[in-house]
Amino acid sequence: MAWTVGVLLIVLVFVGVPLKYLATPGSGPQHVGDLVSMYVGIAHGWLFMVYLVTAAILARAARWRPLFTITTMLAGLIPVFTFLAERRATHAVHRAAEL
């Protein structure tokens, strides 16, 4: 889930929004940016909610500390951080499984 949310956020922030607001108004790239921002933004919003629920379920099952859980959840709001949070969470789960 983190990878999906992360990729969508990167596309939204680094492709859709710049094309929408930095391209010449009424141009083809501006229209593409508008469409990307709308559709990718909606998909990211819905899937971010799934990401939060998934992280909460995993946090409860893995008995994460509240701060670890909150930072993992908030990572979905910052481009590229979701990948770091996913790696950190994967390592935490693997370490807990070894105990």
Protein backbone atom coordinates (compact mmCIF):
# COMPACT_ATOMS: atom_id res chain seq x y z
CA MET A 1 0.00 0.00 0.00
CA ALA A 2 2.86 2.36 0.82
CA TRP A 3 4.38 1.90 -2.63
CA THR A 4 1.07 2.61 -4.38
CA VAL A 5 0.38 5.72 -2.32
CA GLY A 6 3.97 6.88 -2.76
CA VAL A 7 4.01 6.49 -6.53
CA LEU A 8 0.67 8.27 -6.89
CA LEU A 9 1.85 11.13 -4.68
CA ILE A 10 5.05 11.52 -6.72
CA VAL A 11 3.09 11.60 -9.99
CA LEU A 12 0.66 14.11 -8.50
CA VAL A 13 3.27 16.45 -7.00
CA PHE A 14 5.98 16.25 -9.65
CA VAL A 15 3.90 15.85 -12.83
CA GLY A 16 0.25 16.83 -12.40
CA VAL A 17 0.51 19.94 -10.25
CA PRO A 18 3.45 21.54 -12.12
CA LEU A 19 1.75 20.97 -15.49
CA LYS A 20 -1.54 22.29 -14.16
CA TYR A 21 -0.13 25.49 -12.67
CA LEU A 22 3.08 26.20 -14.58
CA ALA A 23 2.05 25.43 -18.17
CA THR A 24 0.49 28.09 -20.35
CA PRO A 25 -3.22 28.38 -19.48
CA GLY A 26 -5.41 26.66 -22.04
CA SER A 27 -2.54 24.69 -23.54
CA GLY A 28 -2.38 20.93 -24.02
CA PRO A 29 0.13 20.37 -21.19
CA GLN A 30 -2.01 22.45 -18.83
CA HIS A 31 -5.05 20.34 -19.72
CA VAL A 32 -3.05 17.13 -19.14
CA GLY A 33 -1.88 18.51 -15.78
CA ASP A 34 -5.47 19.28 -14.86
CA LEU A 35 -6.58 15.73 -15.70
CA VAL A 36 -3.61 14.11 -13.95
CA SER A 37 -4.17 16.26 -10.86
CA MET A 38 -7.84 15.40 -10.75
CA TYR A 39 -7.69 11.65 -11.33
CA VAL A 40 -4.43 10.88 -9.58
CA GLY A 41 -5.41 13.18 -6.72
CA ILE A 42 -8.70 11.35 -6.22
CA ALA A 43 -6.99 7.95 -6.42
CA HIS A 44 -4.28 9.04 -3.99
CA GLY A 45 -6.88 10.38 -1.55
CA TRP A 46 -8.89 7.17 -1.46
CA LEU A 47 -5.87 4.91 -1.37
CA PHE A 48 -4.29 7.02 1.36
CA MET A 49 -7.30 6.15 3.53
CA VAL A 50 -6.67 2.46 2.80
CA TYR A 51 -2.99 3.03 3.65
CA LEU A 52 -3.96 4.52 7.02
CA VAL A 53 -6.25 1.61 7.87
CA THR A 54 -3.62 -0.90 6.74
CA ALA A 55 -0.95 0.82 8.83
CA ALA A 56 -3.26 0.89 11.85
CA ILE A 57 -4.02 -2.82 11.54
CA LEU A 58 -0.33 -3.64 11.13
CA ALA A 59 0.62 -1.38 14.04
CA ARG A 60 -1.82 -3.13 16.31
CA ALA A 61 -0.73 -6.61 15.21
CA ALA A 62 2.98 -5.76 15.47
CA ARG A 63 2.50 -3.78 18.71
CA TRP A 64 4.25 -0.70 17.43
CA ARG A 65 4.78 2.29 19.69
CA PRO A 66 2.39 5.21 19.06
CA LEU A 67 5.11 7.52 17.72
CA PHE A 68 6.31 4.86 15.27
CA THR A 69 2.73 4.32 14.12
CA ILE A 70 1.99 8.03 13.68
CA THR A 71 5.19 8.73 11.75
CA THR A 72 4.52 5.76 9.50
CA MET A 73 1.02 7.05 8.80
CA LEU A 74 2.13 10.65 8.21
CA ALA A 75 4.83 9.53 5.78
CA GLY A 76 2.09 9.10 3.17
CA LEU A 77 1.74 12.87 3.01
CA ILE A 78 5.32 13.61 1.95
CA PRO A 79 6.67 12.49 -1.43
CA VAL A 80 9.30 9.73 -1.20
CA PHE A 81 8.84 9.31 2.58
CA THR A 82 6.34 6.48 2.08
CA PHE A 83 9.13 4.35 0.63
CA LEU A 84 11.31 5.04 3.65
CA ALA A 85 8.45 4.34 6.04
CA GLU A 86 7.63 1.08 4.26
CA ARG A 87 11.23 -0.07 4.54
CA ARG A 88 11.38 0.90 8.21
CA ALA A 89 8.08 -0.85 8.94
CA THR A 90 9.16 -3.99 7.07
CA HIS A 91 12.36 -4.16 9.10
CA ALA A 92 10.42 -3.63 12.33
CA VAL A 93 8.02 -6.46 11.50
CA HIS A 94 10.88 -8.79 10.52
CA ARG A 95 12.74 -7.99 13.75
CA ALA A 96 9.60 -8.64 15.80
CA ALA A 97 9.06 -11.96 14.01
CA GLU A 98 12.59 -13.07 14.93
CA LEU A 99 11.94 -12.58 18.64
